Amino acid sequence: MRDEQQFEQLMLQYEQLKNGSNDIFKMINEEDYDGAITMINSREAVFLNCKCIRKYLELSPAQEKKVNDILEEIRELEQRNIKLLSENITKVKSELVRTQKAAKINMAYDFNDDQKGSIINIKE
């Protein structure tokens, strides 16, 4: 009876981790990186708890299959999140390089139109 309750608790926590992975994906898509990082950091304790429960829990073959299936789902979701973050990092790096090049050109040729008059005010 106790093992069954612990198994249900374990599955509940794995479901929370799975749902958290989906939430993190949404946050990354919405560029809410602070929220995603906060959520990632808070999940570490849940992962450790699951590891402890699993270490001392004797699972039946059916339960082992359910646990392995949900772990594989979580693994795939986490890989998706990592891939999305990597793509975003690449985009940010290329945008940063482009911006730095534009700034370097502006500094080299002193393109500051606010300080140079291009329109004559006849009234003055």
PDB file of N, CA and C in Angstrom:
ATOM      1  N   MET A   1       0.835  -1.200   0.000  1.00  0.00           N
ATOM      2  CA  MET A   1       0.000   0.000   0.000  1.00  0.00           C
ATOM      3  C   MET A   1       0.875   1.257   0.000  1.00  0.00           C
ATOM      4  N   ARG A   2       1.879   1.266   0.832  1.00  0.00           N
ATOM      5  CA  ARG A   2       2.763   2.435   0.920  1.00  0.00           C
ATOM      6  C   ARG A   2       3.528   2.640  -0.384  1.00  0.00           C
ATOM      7  N   ASP A   3       3.983   1.536  -0.986  1.00  0.00           N
ATOM      8  CA  ASP A   3       4.685   1.629  -2.264  1.00  0.00           C
ATOM      9  C   ASP A   3       3.789   2.223  -3.345  1.00  0.00           C
ATOM     10  N   GLU A   4       2.515   1.853  -3.330  1.00  0.00           N
ATOM     11  CA  GLU A   4       1.567   2.376  -4.327  1.00  0.00           C
ATOM     12  C   GLU A   4       1.391   3.885  -4.152  1.00  0.00           C
ATOM     13  N   GLN A   5       1.311   4.329  -2.915  1.00  0.00           N
ATOM     14  CA  GLN A   5       1.181   5.775  -2.659  1.00  0.00           C
ATOM     15  C   GLN A   5       2.443   6.521  -3.088  1.00  0.00           C
ATOM     16  N   GLN A   6       3.588   5.946  -2.820  1.00  0.00           N
ATOM     17  CA  GLN A   6       4.838   6.581  -3.230  1.00  0.00           C
ATOM     18  C   GLN A   6       4.958   6.612  -4.750  1.00  0.00           C
ATOM     19  N   PHE A   7       4.495   5.540  -5.394  1.00  0.00           N
ATOM     20  CA  PHE A   7       4.511   5.516  -6.857  1.00  0.00           C
ATOM     21  C   PHE A   7       3.606   6.622  -7.409  1.00  0.00           C
ATOM     22  N   GLU A   8       2.427   6.768  -6.842  1.00  0.00           N
ATOM     23  CA  GLU A   8       1.511   7.827  -7.287  1.00  0.00           C
ATOM     24  C   GLU A   8       2.125   9.210  -7.058  1.00  0.00           C
ATOM     25  N   GLN A   9       2.801   9.373  -5.934  1.00  0.00           N
ATOM     26  CA  GLN A   9       3.481  10.636  -5.639  1.00  0.00           C
ATOM     27  C   GLN A   9       4.588  10.893  -6.672  1.00  0.00           C
ATOM     28  N   LEU A  10       5.331   9.859  -6.990  1.00  0.00           N
ATOM     29  CA  LEU A  10       6.392   9.964  -7.985  1.00  0.00           C
ATOM     30  C   LEU A  10       5.823  10.361  -9.348  1.00  0.00           C
ATOM     31  N   MET A  11       4.750   9.710  -9.757  1.00  0.00           N
ATOM     32  CA  MET A  11       4.133  10.016 -11.052  1.00  0.00           C
ATOM     33  C   MET A  11       3.582  11.442 -11.078  1.00  0.00           C
ATOM     34  N   LEU A  12       3.030  11.878  -9.946  1.00  0.00           N
ATOM     35  CA  LEU A  12       2.524  13.249  -9.851  1.00  0.00           C
ATOM     36  C   LEU A  12       3.662  14.256 -10.032  1.00  0.00           C
ATOM     37  N   GLN A  13       4.787  13.985  -9.401  1.00  0.00           N
ATOM     38  CA  GLN A  13       5.927  14.892  -9.530  1.00  0.00           C
ATOM     39  C   GLN A  13       6.492  14.875 -10.949  1.00  0.00           C
ATOM     40  N   TYR A  14       6.525  13.715 -11.575  1.00  0.00           N
ATOM     41  CA  TYR A  14       6.983  13.654 -12.964  1.00  0.00           C
ATOM     42  C   TYR A  14       6.029  14.428 -13.882  1.00  0.00           C
ATOM     43  N   GLU A  15       4.738  14.353 -13.610  1.00  0.00           N
ATOM     44  CA  GLU A  15       3.770  15.136 -14.390  1.00  0.00           C
ATOM     45  C   GLU A  15       4.013  16.630 -14.208  1.00  0.00           C
ATOM     46  N   GLN A  16       4.329  17.032 -12.973  1.00  0.00           N
ATOM     47  CA  GLN A  16       4.644  18.445 -12.722  1.00  0.00           C
ATOM     48  C   GLN A  16       5.872  18.868 -13.513  1.00  0.00           C
ATOM     49  N   LEU A  17       6.875  18.009 -13.561  1.00  0.00           N
ATOM     50  CA  LEU A  17       8.075  18.320 -14.333  1.00  0.00           C
ATOM     51  C   LEU A  17       7.768  18.424 -15.826  1.00  0.00           C
ATOM     52  N   LYS A  18       6.915  17.528 -16.300  1.00  0.00           N
ATOM     53  CA  LYS A  18       6.529  17.548 -17.718  1.00  0.00           C
ATOM     54  C   LYS A  18       5.770  18.837 -18.041  1.00  0.00           C
ATOM     55  N   ASN A  19       4.819  19.192 -17.198  1.00  0.00           N
ATOM     56  CA  ASN A  19       4.064  20.426 -17.408  1.00  0.00           C
ATOM     57  C   ASN A  19       4.974  21.646 -17.300  1.00  0.00           C
ATOM     58  N   GLY A  20       5.937  21.577 -16.389  1.00  0.00           N
ATOM     59  CA  GLY A  20       6.902  22.658 -16.244  1.00  0.00           C
ATOM     60  C   GLY A  20       7.737  22.838 -17.509  1.00  0.00           C
ATOM     61  N   SER A  21       8.101  21.739 -18.144  1.00  0.00           N
ATOM     62  CA  SER A  21       8.865  21.814 -19.395  1.00  0.00           C
ATOM     63  C   SER A  21       8.056  22.533 -20.475  1.00  0.00           C
ATOM     64  N   ASN A  22       6.776  22.225 -20.530  1.00  0.00           N
ATOM     65  CA  ASN A  22       5.916  22.911 -21.505  1.00  0.00           C
ATOM     66  C   ASN A  22       5.785  24.397 -21.177  1.00  0.00           C
ATOM     67  N   ASP A  23       5.668  24.717 -19.893  1.00  0.00           N
ATOM     68  CA  ASP A  23       5.583  26.126 -19.486  1.00  0.00           C
ATOM     69  C   ASP A  23       6.872  26.875 -19.814  1.00  0.00           C
ATOM     70  N   ILE A  24       7.996  26.237 -19.596  1.00  0.00           N
ATOM     71  CA  ILE A  24       9.288  26.856 -19.912  1.00  0.00           C
ATOM     72  C   ILE A  24       9.391  27.110 -21.410  1.00  0.00           C
ATOM     73  N   PHE A  25       8.921  26.175 -22.217  1.00  0.00           N
ATOM     74  CA  PHE A  25       8.928  26.348 -23.670  1.00  0.00           C
ATOM     75  C   PHE A  25       8.125  27.586 -24.062  1.00  0.00           C
ATOM     76  N   LYS A  26       6.960  27.738 -23.449  1.00  0.00           N
ATOM     77  CA  LYS A  26       6.123  28.916 -23.739  1.00  0.00           C
ATOM     78  C   LYS A  26       6.832  30.203 -23.317  1.00  0.00           C
ATOM     79  N   MET A  27       7.470  30.178 -22.153  1.00  0.00           N
ATOM     80  CA  MET A  27       8.181  31.364 -21.676  1.00  0.00           C
ATOM     81  C   MET A  27       9.327  31.738 -22.609  1.00  0.00           C
ATOM     82  N   ILE A  28      10.042  30.738 -23.090  1.00  0.00           N
ATOM     83  CA  ILE A  28      11.151  31.008 -24.006  1.00  0.00           C
ATOM     84  C   ILE A  28      10.614  31.614 -25.297  1.00  0.00           C
ATOM     85  N   ASN A  29       9.516  31.071 -25.794  1.00  0.00           N
ATOM     86  CA  ASN A  29       8.907  31.615 -27.017  1.00  0.00           C
ATOM     87  C   ASN A  29       8.455  33.057 -26.828  1.00  0.00           C
ATOM     88  N   GLU A  30       8.004  33.378 -25.634  1.00  0.00           N
ATOM     89  CA  GLU A  30       7.553  34.743 -25.334  1.00  0.00           C
ATOM     90  C   GLU A  30       8.695  35.635 -24.866  1.00  0.00           C
ATOM     91  N   GLU A  31       9.918  35.090 -24.906  1.00  0.00           N
ATOM     92  CA  GLU A  31      11.137  35.797 -24.499  1.00  0.00           C
ATOM     93  C   GLU A  31      11.092  36.239 -23.034  1.00  0.00           C
ATOM     94  N   ASP A  32      10.424  35.450 -22.198  1.00  0.00           N
ATOM     95  CA  ASP A  32      10.405  35.675 -20.751  1.00  0.00           C
ATOM     96  C   ASP A  32      11.503  34.808 -20.132  1.00  0.00           C
ATOM     97  N   TYR A  33      12.741  35.210 -20.365  1.00  0.00           N
ATOM     98  CA  TYR A  33      13.877  34.402 -19.938  1.00  0.00           C
ATOM     99  C   TYR A  33      14.035  34.390 -18.423  1.00  0.00           C
ATOM    100  N   ASP A  34      13.713  35.499 -17.765  1.00  0.00           N
ATOM    101  CA  ASP A  34      13.812  35.533 -16.304  1.00  0.00           C
ATOM    102  C   ASP A  34      12.862  34.521 -15.679  1.00  0.00           C
ATOM    103  N   GLY A  35      11.630  34.475 -16.171  1.00  0.00           N
ATOM    104  CA  GLY A  35      10.656  33.516 -15.664  1.00  0.00           C
ATOM    105  C   GLY A  35      11.083  32.086 -15.923  1.00  0.00           C
ATOM    106  N   ALA A  36      11.642  31.853 -17.120  1.00  0.00           N
ATOM    107  CA  ALA A  36      12.093  30.503 -17.466  1.00  0.00           C
ATOM    108  C   ALA A  36      13.237  30.063 -16.557  1.00  0.00           C
ATOM    109  N   ILE A  37      14.178  30.967 -16.310  1.00  0.00           N
ATOM    110  CA  ILE A  37      15.315  30.626 -15.447  1.00  0.00           C
ATOM    111  C   ILE A  37      14.842  30.357 -14.023  1.00  0.00           C
ATOM    112  N   THR A  38      13.925  31.175 -13.535  1.00  0.00           N
ATOM    113  CA  THR A  38      13.385  30.963 -12.194  1.00  0.00           C
ATOM    114  C   THR A  38      12.718  29.600 -12.094  1.00  0.00           C
ATOM    115  N   MET A  39      11.944  29.253 -13.111  1.00  0.00           N
ATOM    116  CA  MET A  39      11.248  27.971 -13.100  1.00  0.00           C
ATOM    117  C   MET A  39      12.239  26.807 -13.197  1.00  0.00           C
ATOM    118  N   ILE A  40      13.255  26.960 -14.022  1.00  0.00           N
ATOM    119  CA  ILE A  40      14.270  25.909 -14.147  1.00  0.00           C
ATOM    120  C   ILE A  40      14.966  25.677 -12.808  1.00  0.00           C
ATOM    121  N   ASN A  41      15.326  26.765 -12.131  1.00  0.00           N
ATOM    122  CA  ASN A  41      16.009  26.635 -10.832  1.00  0.00           C
ATOM    123  C   ASN A  41      15.114  26.006  -9.779  1.00  0.00           C
ATOM    124  N   SER A  42      13.829  26.298  -9.814  1.00  0.00           N
ATOM    125  CA  SER A  42      12.930  25.739  -8.796  1.00  0.00           C
ATOM    126  C   SER A  42      12.642  24.254  -9.032  1.00  0.00           C
ATOM    127  N   ARG A  43      12.862  23.773 -10.249  1.00  0.00           N
ATOM    128  CA  ARG A  43      12.580  22.377 -10.564  1.00  0.00           C
ATOM    129  C   ARG A  43      13.668  21.429 -10.069  1.00  0.00           C
ATOM    130  N   GLU A  44      14.822  21.952  -9.744  1.00  0.00           N
ATOM    131  CA  GLU A  44      15.933  21.109  -9.323  1.00  0.00           C
ATOM    132  C   GLU A  44      15.574  20.277  -8.091  1.00  0.00           C
ATOM    133  N   ALA A  45      14.885  20.888  -7.149  1.00  0.00           N
ATOM    134  CA  ALA A  45      14.486  20.167  -5.935  1.00  0.00           C
ATOM    135  C   ALA A  45      13.527  19.030  -6.262  1.00  0.00           C
ATOM    136  N   VAL A  46      12.636  19.251  -7.209  1.00  0.00           N
ATOM    137  CA  VAL A  46      11.673  18.204  -7.599  1.00  0.00           C
ATOM    138  C   VAL A  46      12.420  17.041  -8.255  1.00  0.00           C
ATOM    139  N   PHE A  47      13.391  17.360  -9.115  1.00  0.00           N
ATOM    140  CA  PHE A  47      14.196  16.298  -9.738  1.00  0.00           C
ATOM    141  C   PHE A  47      14.915  15.462  -8.675  1.00  0.00           C
ATOM    142  N   LEU A  48      15.504  16.136  -7.703  1.00  0.00           N
ATOM    143  CA  LEU A  48      16.218  15.410  -6.641  1.00  0.00           C
ATOM    144  C   LEU A  48      15.267  14.553  -5.812  1.00  0.00           C
ATOM    145  N   ASN A  49      14.089  15.076  -5.527  1.00  0.00           N
ATOM    146  CA  ASN A  49      13.091  14.315  -4.770  1.00  0.00           C
ATOM    147  C   ASN A  49      12.669  13.064  -5.545  1.00  0.00           C
ATOM    148  N   CYS A  50      12.446  13.225  -6.842  1.00  0.00           N
ATOM    149  CA  CYS A  50      12.066  12.079  -7.677  1.00  0.00           C
ATOM    150  C   CYS A  50      13.172  11.024  -7.673  1.00  0.00           C
ATOM    151  N   LYS A  51      14.400  11.484  -7.738  1.00  0.00           N
ATOM    152  CA  LYS A  51      15.536  10.562  -7.741  1.00  0.00           C
ATOM    153  C   LYS A  51      15.587   9.764  -6.437  1.00  0.00           C
ATOM    154  N   CYS A  52      15.349  10.443  -5.323  1.00  0.00           N
ATOM    155  CA  CYS A  52      15.353   9.760  -4.021  1.00  0.00           C
ATOM    156  C   CYS A  52      14.220   8.749  -3.916  1.00  0.00           C
ATOM    157  N   ILE A  53      13.038   9.152  -4.311  1.00  0.00           N
ATOM    158  CA  ILE A  53      11.890   8.242  -4.250  1.00  0.00           C
ATOM    159  C   ILE A  53      12.165   7.015  -5.110  1.00  0.00           C
ATOM    160  N   ARG A  54      12.661   7.245  -6.306  1.00  0.00           N
ATOM    161  CA  ARG A  54      12.889   6.146  -7.237  1.00  0.00           C
ATOM    162  C   ARG A  54      13.971   5.194  -6.728  1.00  0.00           C
ATOM    163  N   LYS A  55      14.952   5.741  -6.033  1.00  0.00           N
ATOM    164  CA  LYS A  55      16.054   4.921  -5.538  1.00  0.00           C
ATOM    165  C   LYS A  55      15.569   3.877  -4.531  1.00  0.00           C
ATOM    166  N   TYR A  56      14.621   4.262  -3.680  1.00  0.00           N
ATOM    167  CA  TYR A  56      14.183   3.373  -2.604  1.00  0.00           C
ATOM    168  C   TYR A  56      12.857   2.669  -2.888  1.00  0.00           C
ATOM    169  N   LEU A  57      12.253   2.974  -3.999  1.00  0.00           N
ATOM    170  CA  LEU A  57      10.952   2.385  -4.331  1.00  0.00           C
ATOM    171  C   LEU A  57      11.145   1.173  -5.238  1.00  0.00           C
ATOM    172  N   GLU A  58      10.530   0.072  -4.846  1.00  0.00           N
ATOM    173  CA  GLU A  58      10.569  -1.114  -5.690  1.00  0.00           C
ATOM    174  C   GLU A  58       9.366  -1.073  -6.624  1.00  0.00           C
ATOM    175  N   LEU A  59       9.652  -1.008  -7.920  1.00  0.00           N
ATOM    176  CA  LEU A  59       8.598  -0.862  -8.917  1.00  0.00           C
ATOM    177  C   LEU A  59       8.299  -2.194  -9.590  1.00  0.00           C
ATOM    178  N   SER A  60       7.025  -2.400  -9.900  1.00  0.00           N
ATOM    179  CA  SER A  60       6.645  -3.561 -10.691  1.00  0.00           C
ATOM    180  C   SER A  60       7.043  -3.273 -12.146  1.00  0.00           C
ATOM    181  N   PRO A  61       7.076  -4.285 -12.984  1.00  0.00           N
ATOM    182  CA  PRO A  61       7.426  -4.047 -14.395  1.00  0.00           C
ATOM    183  C   PRO A  61       6.491  -3.031 -15.078  1.00  0.00           C
ATOM    184  N   ALA A  62       5.221  -3.066 -14.757  1.00  0.00           N
ATOM    185  CA  ALA A  62       4.271  -2.120 -15.349  1.00  0.00           C
ATOM    186  C   ALA A  62       4.567  -0.697 -14.864  1.00  0.00           C
ATOM    187  N   GLN A  63       4.845  -0.577 -13.576  1.00  0.00           N
ATOM    188  CA  GLN A  63       5.172   0.742 -13.028  1.00  0.00           C
ATOM    189  C   GLN A  63       6.490   1.256 -13.613  1.00  0.00           C
ATOM    190  N   GLU A  64       7.449   0.372 -13.750  1.00  0.00           N
ATOM    191  CA  GLU A  64       8.751   0.748 -14.333  1.00  0.00           C
ATOM    192  C   GLU A  64       8.557   1.280 -15.752  1.00  0.00           C
ATOM    193  N   LYS A  65       7.676   0.638 -16.510  1.00  0.00           N
ATOM    194  CA  LYS A  65       7.410   1.084 -17.882  1.00  0.00           C
ATOM    195  C   LYS A  65       6.767   2.474 -17.884  1.00  0.00           C
ATOM    196  N   LYS A  66       5.815   2.699 -16.984  1.00  0.00           N
ATOM    197  CA  LYS A  66       5.165   4.015 -16.900  1.00  0.00           C
ATOM    198  C   LYS A  66       6.171   5.101 -16.544  1.00  0.00           C
ATOM    199  N   VAL A  67       7.043   4.791 -15.602  1.00  0.00           N
ATOM    200  CA  VAL A  67       8.061   5.759 -15.181  1.00  0.00           C
ATOM    201  C   VAL A  67       9.016   6.050 -16.337  1.00  0.00           C
ATOM    202  N   ASN A  68       9.463   4.999 -17.017  1.00  0.00           N
ATOM    203  CA  ASN A  68      10.391   5.193 -18.133  1.00  0.00           C
ATOM    204  C   ASN A  68       9.743   5.976 -19.279  1.00  0.00           C
ATOM    205  N   ASP A  69       8.455   5.717 -19.522  1.00  0.00           N
ATOM    206  CA  ASP A  69       7.744   6.452 -20.583  1.00  0.00           C
ATOM    207  C   ASP A  69       7.671   7.945 -20.273  1.00  0.00           C
ATOM    208  N   ILE A  70       7.302   8.286 -19.049  1.00  0.00           N
ATOM    209  CA  ILE A  70       7.182   9.708 -18.709  1.00  0.00           C
ATOM    210  C   ILE A  70       8.564  10.367 -18.650  1.00  0.00           C
ATOM    211  N   LEU A  71       9.572   9.614 -18.224  1.00  0.00           N
ATOM    212  CA  LEU A  71      10.933  10.163 -18.235  1.00  0.00           C
ATOM    213  C   LEU A  71      11.397  10.450 -19.662  1.00  0.00           C
ATOM    214  N   GLU A  72      11.040   9.584 -20.589  1.00  0.00           N
ATOM    215  CA  GLU A  72      11.402   9.810 -21.992  1.00  0.00           C
ATOM    216  C   GLU A  72      10.686  11.052 -22.536  1.00  0.00           C
ATOM    217  N   GLU A  73       9.420  11.223 -22.164  1.00  0.00           N
ATOM    218  CA  GLU A  73       8.687  12.435 -22.572  1.00  0.00           C
ATOM    219  C   GLU A  73       9.366  13.686 -22.030  1.00  0.00           C
ATOM    220  N   ILE A  74       9.727  13.649 -20.765  1.00  0.00           N
ATOM    221  CA  ILE A  74      10.394  14.804 -20.136  1.00  0.00           C
ATOM    222  C   ILE A  74      11.726  15.069 -20.837  1.00  0.00           C
ATOM    223  N   ARG A  75      12.461  14.026 -21.137  1.00  0.00           N
ATOM    224  CA  ARG A  75      13.754  14.165 -21.812  1.00  0.00           C
ATOM    225  C   ARG A  75      13.573  14.842 -23.179  1.00  0.00           C
ATOM    226  N   GLU A  76      12.566  14.416 -23.929  1.00  0.00           N
ATOM    227  CA  GLU A  76      12.306  15.008 -25.248  1.00  0.00           C
ATOM    228  C   GLU A  76      11.909  16.474 -25.122  1.00  0.00           C
ATOM    229  N   LEU A  77      11.075  16.792 -24.130  1.00  0.00           N
ATOM    230  CA  LEU A  77      10.667  18.180 -23.930  1.00  0.00           C
ATOM    231  C   LEU A  77      11.861  19.052 -23.545  1.00  0.00           C
ATOM    232  N   GLU A  78      12.719  18.528 -22.701  1.00  0.00           N
ATOM    233  CA  GLU A  78      13.905  19.282 -22.292  1.00  0.00           C
ATOM    234  C   GLU A  78      14.854  19.483 -23.473  1.00  0.00           C
ATOM    235  N   GLN A  79      14.989  18.472 -24.318  1.00  0.00           N
ATOM    236  CA  GLN A  79      15.816  18.613 -25.523  1.00  0.00           C
ATOM    237  C   GLN A  79      15.241  19.692 -26.441  1.00  0.00           C
ATOM    238  N   ARG A  80      13.931  19.734 -26.546  1.00  0.00           N
ATOM    239  CA  ARG A  80      13.265  20.762 -27.362  1.00  0.00           C
ATOM    240  C   ARG A  80      13.572  22.152 -26.794  1.00  0.00           C
ATOM    241  N   ASN A  81      13.514  22.288 -25.474  1.00  0.00           N
ATOM    242  CA  ASN A  81      13.809  23.571 -24.838  1.00  0.00           C
ATOM    243  C   ASN A  81      15.260  23.984 -25.071  1.00  0.00           C
ATOM    244  N   ILE A  82      16.165  23.033 -24.951  1.00  0.00           N
ATOM    245  CA  ILE A  82      17.583  23.318 -25.177  1.00  0.00           C
ATOM    246  C   ILE A  82      17.813  23.749 -26.621  1.00  0.00           C
ATOM    247  N   LYS A  83      17.173  23.070 -27.555  1.00  0.00           N
ATOM    248  CA  LYS A  83      17.318  23.424 -28.971  1.00  0.00           C
ATOM    249  C   LYS A  83      16.805  24.836 -29.234  1.00  0.00           C
ATOM    250  N   LEU A  84      15.647  25.167 -28.671  1.00  0.00           N
ATOM    251  CA  LEU A  84      15.081  26.499 -28.852  1.00  0.00           C
ATOM    252  C   LEU A  84      15.985  27.566 -28.261  1.00  0.00           C
ATOM    253  N   LEU A  85      16.522  27.319 -27.074  1.00  0.00           N
ATOM    254  CA  LEU A  85      17.448  28.273 -26.456  1.00  0.00           C
ATOM    255  C   LEU A  85      18.709  28.437 -27.303  1.00  0.00           C
ATOM    256  N   SER A  86      19.218  27.347 -27.836  1.00  0.00           N
ATOM    257  CA  SER A  86      20.410  27.422 -28.688  1.00  0.00           C
ATOM    258  C   SER A  86      20.145  28.250 -29.931  1.00  0.00           C
ATOM    259  N   GLU A  87      18.979  28.059 -30.538  1.00  0.00           N
ATOM    260  CA  GLU A  87      18.618  28.848 -31.719  1.00  0.00           C
ATOM    261  C   GLU A  87      18.509  30.327 -31.365  1.00  0.00           C
ATOM    262  N   ASN A  88      17.906  30.616 -30.230  1.00  0.00           N
ATOM    263  CA  ASN A  88      17.770  32.008 -29.804  1.00  0.00           C
ATOM    264  C   ASN A  88      19.129  32.639 -29.515  1.00  0.00           C
ATOM    265  N   ILE A  89      20.022  31.875 -28.927  1.00  0.00           N
ATOM    266  CA  ILE A  89      21.368  32.383 -28.646  1.00  0.00           C
ATOM    267  C   ILE A  89      22.069  32.726 -29.961  1.00  0.00           C
ATOM    268  N   THR A  90      21.928  31.863 -30.954  1.00  0.00           N
ATOM    269  CA  THR A  90      22.542  32.115 -32.259  1.00  0.00           C
ATOM    270  C   THR A  90      21.985  33.386 -32.886  1.00  0.00           C
ATOM    271  N   LYS A  91      20.673  33.568 -32.799  1.00  0.00           N
ATOM    272  CA  LYS A  91      20.051  34.773 -33.349  1.00  0.00           C
ATOM    273  C   LYS A  91      20.539  36.030 -32.630  1.00  0.00           C
ATOM    274  N   VAL A  92      20.620  35.962 -31.318  1.00  0.00           N
ATOM    275  CA  VAL A  92      21.065  37.118 -30.541  1.00  0.00           C
ATOM    276  C   VAL A  92      22.518  37.449 -30.864  1.00  0.00           C
ATOM    277  N   LYS A  93      23.353  36.418 -30.993  1.00  0.00           N
ATOM    278  CA  LYS A  93      24.759  36.662 -31.323  1.00  0.00           C
ATOM    279  C   LYS A  93      24.893  37.338 -32.681  1.00  0.00           C
ATOM    280  N   SER A  94      24.159  36.861 -33.677  1.00  0.00           N
ATOM    281  CA  SER A  94      24.265  37.467 -35.011  1.00  0.00           C
ATOM    282  C   SER A  94      23.731  38.897 -34.998  1.00  0.00           C
ATOM    283  N   GLU A  95      22.679  39.148 -34.255  1.00  0.00           N
ATOM    284  CA  GLU A  95      22.142  40.510 -34.137  1.00  0.00           C
ATOM    285  C   GLU A  95      23.141  41.414 -33.421  1.00  0.00           C
ATOM    286  N   LEU A  96      23.799  40.895 -32.420  1.00  0.00           N
ATOM    287  CA  LEU A  96      24.800  41.671 -31.689  1.00  0.00           C
ATOM    288  C   LEU A  96      25.979  42.031 -32.594  1.00  0.00           C
ATOM    289  N   VAL A  97      26.442  41.083 -33.392  1.00  0.00           N
ATOM    290  CA  VAL A  97      27.543  41.349 -34.320  1.00  0.00           C
ATOM    291  C   VAL A  97      27.133  42.426 -35.318  1.00  0.00           C
ATOM    292  N   ARG A  98      25.920  42.318 -35.844  1.00  0.00           N
ATOM    293  CA  ARG A  98      25.427  43.307 -36.807  1.00  0.00           C
ATOM    294  C   ARG A  98      25.337  44.690 -36.163  1.00  0.00           C
ATOM    295  N   THR A  99      24.846  44.754 -34.953  1.00  0.00           N
ATOM    296  CA  THR A  99      24.725  46.035 -34.248  1.00  0.00           C
ATOM    297  C   THR A  99      26.097  46.624 -33.940  1.00  0.00           C
ATOM    298  N   GLN A 100      27.024  45.765 -33.546  1.00  0.00           N
ATOM    299  CA  GLN A 100      28.377  46.248 -33.265  1.00  0.00           C
ATOM    300  C   GLN A 100      29.041  46.800 -34.522  1.00  0.00           C
ATOM    301  N   LYS A 101      28.838  46.142 -35.654  1.00  0.00           N
ATOM    302  CA  LYS A 101      29.400  46.630 -36.915  1.00  0.00           C
ATOM    303  C   LYS A 101      28.790  47.982 -37.285  1.00  0.00           C
ATOM    304  N   ALA A 102      27.481  48.111 -37.120  1.00  0.00           N
ATOM    305  CA  ALA A 102      26.819  49.380 -37.432  1.00  0.00           C
ATOM    306  C   ALA A 102      27.324  50.481 -36.510  1.00  0.00           C
ATOM    307  N   ALA A 103      27.518  50.186 -35.249  1.00  0.00           N
ATOM    308  CA  ALA A 103      28.020  51.180 -34.300  1.00  0.00           C
ATOM    309  C   ALA A 103      29.451  51.578 -34.655  1.00  0.00           C
ATOM    310  N   LYS A 104      30.254  50.618 -35.073  1.00  0.00           N
ATOM    311  CA  LYS A 104      31.637  50.901 -35.453  1.00  0.00           C
ATOM    312  C   LYS A 104      31.678  51.819 -36.677  1.00  0.00           C
ATOM    313  N   ILE A 105      30.821  51.579 -37.639  1.00  0.00           N
ATOM    314  CA  ILE A 105      30.751  52.433 -38.829  1.00  0.00           C
ATOM    315  C   ILE A 105      30.300  53.832 -38.452  1.00  0.00           C
ATOM    316  N   ASN A 106      29.287  53.926 -37.610  1.00  0.00           N
ATOM    317  CA  ASN A 106      28.798  55.240 -37.180  1.00  0.00           C
ATOM    318  C   ASN A 106      29.874  56.026 -36.444  1.00  0.00           C
ATOM    319  N   MET A 107      30.649  55.343 -35.615  1.00  0.00           N
ATOM    320  CA  MET A 107      31.725  56.021 -34.876  1.00  0.00           C
ATOM    321  C   MET A 107      32.849  56.440 -35.832  1.00  0.00           C
ATOM    322  N   ALA A 108      33.175  55.600 -36.795  1.00  0.00           N
ATOM    323  CA  ALA A 108      34.279  55.885 -37.708  1.00  0.00           C
ATOM    324  C   ALA A 108      33.971  57.076 -38.623  1.00  0.00           C
ATOM    325  N   TYR A 109      32.735  57.197 -39.052  1.00  0.00           N
ATOM    326  CA  TYR A 109      32.368  58.251 -39.985  1.00  0.00           C
ATOM    327  C   TYR A 109      31.570  59.375 -39.347  1.00  0.00           C
ATOM    328  N   ASP A 110      31.422  59.333 -38.048  1.00  0.00           N
ATOM    329  CA  ASP A 110      30.771  60.404 -37.299  1.00  0.00           C
ATOM    330  C   ASP A 110      29.406  60.772 -37.887  1.00  0.00           C
ATOM    331  N   PHE A 111      28.529  59.779 -37.967  1.00  0.00           N
ATOM    332  CA  PHE A 111      27.179  60.012 -38.475  1.00  0.00           C
ATOM    333  C   PHE A 111      26.280  60.488 -37.349  1.00  0.00           C
ATOM    334  N   ASN A 112      26.303  61.723 -37.028  1.00  0.00           N
ATOM    335  CA  ASN A 112      25.408  62.264 -36.016  1.00  0.00           C
ATOM    336  C   ASN A 112      24.648  63.423 -36.645  1.00  0.00           C
ATOM    337  N   ASP A 113      23.530  63.110 -37.244  1.00  0.00           N
ATOM    338  CA  ASP A 113      22.742  64.104 -37.977  1.00  0.00           C
ATOM    339  C   ASP A 113      22.093  65.131 -37.066  1.00  0.00           C
ATOM    340  N   ASP A 114      21.965  64.828 -35.772  1.00  0.00           N
ATOM    341  CA  ASP A 114      21.329  65.778 -34.856  1.00  0.00           C
ATOM    342  C   ASP A 114      22.199  67.014 -34.649  1.00  0.00           C
ATOM    343  N   GLN A 115      23.487  66.848 -34.750  1.00  0.00           N
ATOM    344  CA  GLN A 115      24.391  67.972 -34.514  1.00  0.00           C
ATOM    345  C   GLN A 115      24.772  68.698 -35.800  1.00  0.00           C
ATOM    346  N   LYS A 116      24.448  68.159 -36.937  1.00  0.00           N
ATOM    347  CA  LYS A 116      24.769  68.790 -38.217  1.00  0.00           C
ATOM    348  C   LYS A 116      23.473  69.281 -38.857  1.00  0.00           C
ATOM    349  N   GLY A 117      23.461  70.496 -39.268  1.00  0.00           N
ATOM    350  CA  GLY A 117      22.274  71.050 -39.901  1.00  0.00           C
ATOM    351  C   GLY A 117      22.138  70.585 -41.328  1.00  0.00           C
ATOM    352  N   SER A 118      20.972  70.142 -41.686  1.00  0.00           N
ATOM    353  CA  SER A 118      20.746  69.735 -43.065  1.00  0.00           C
ATOM    354  C   SER A 118      19.593  70.532 -43.682  1.00  0.00           C
ATOM    355  N   ILE A 119      18.867  71.246 -42.844  1.00  0.00           N
ATOM    356  CA  ILE A 119      17.763  72.082 -43.318  1.00  0.00           C
ATOM    357  C   ILE A 119      18.016  73.503 -42.814  1.00  0.00           C
ATOM    358  N   ILE A 120      17.877  74.453 -43.713  1.00  0.00           N
ATOM    359  CA  ILE A 120      18.098  75.860 -43.348  1.00  0.00           C
ATOM    360  C   ILE A 120      16.799  76.453 -42.869  1.00  0.00           C
ATOM    361  N   ASN A 121      16.865  77.125 -41.719  1.00  0.00           N
ATOM    362  CA  ASN A 121      15.707  77.823 -41.181  1.00  0.00           C
ATOM    363  C   ASN A 121      15.793  79.265 -41.675  1.00  0.00           C
ATOM    364  N   ILE A 122      14.894  79.619 -42.585  1.00  0.00           N
ATOM    365  CA  ILE A 122      14.926  80.936 -43.230  1.00  0.00           C
ATOM    366  C   ILE A 122      14.574  82.045 -42.254  1.00  0.00           C
ATOM    367  N   LYS A 123      13.757  81.762 -41.264  1.00  0.00           N
ATOM    368  CA  LYS A 123      13.317  82.789 -40.319  1.00  0.00           C
ATOM    369  C   LYS A 123      14.456  83.305 -39.461  1.00  0.00           C
ATOM    370  N   GLU A 124      15.480  82.539 -39.251  1.00  0.00           N
ATOM    371  CA  GLU A 124      16.597  82.968 -38.413  1.00  0.00           C
ATOM    372  C   GLU A 124      17.439  83.841 -39.186  1.00  0.00           C
TER     373      GLU A 124
END
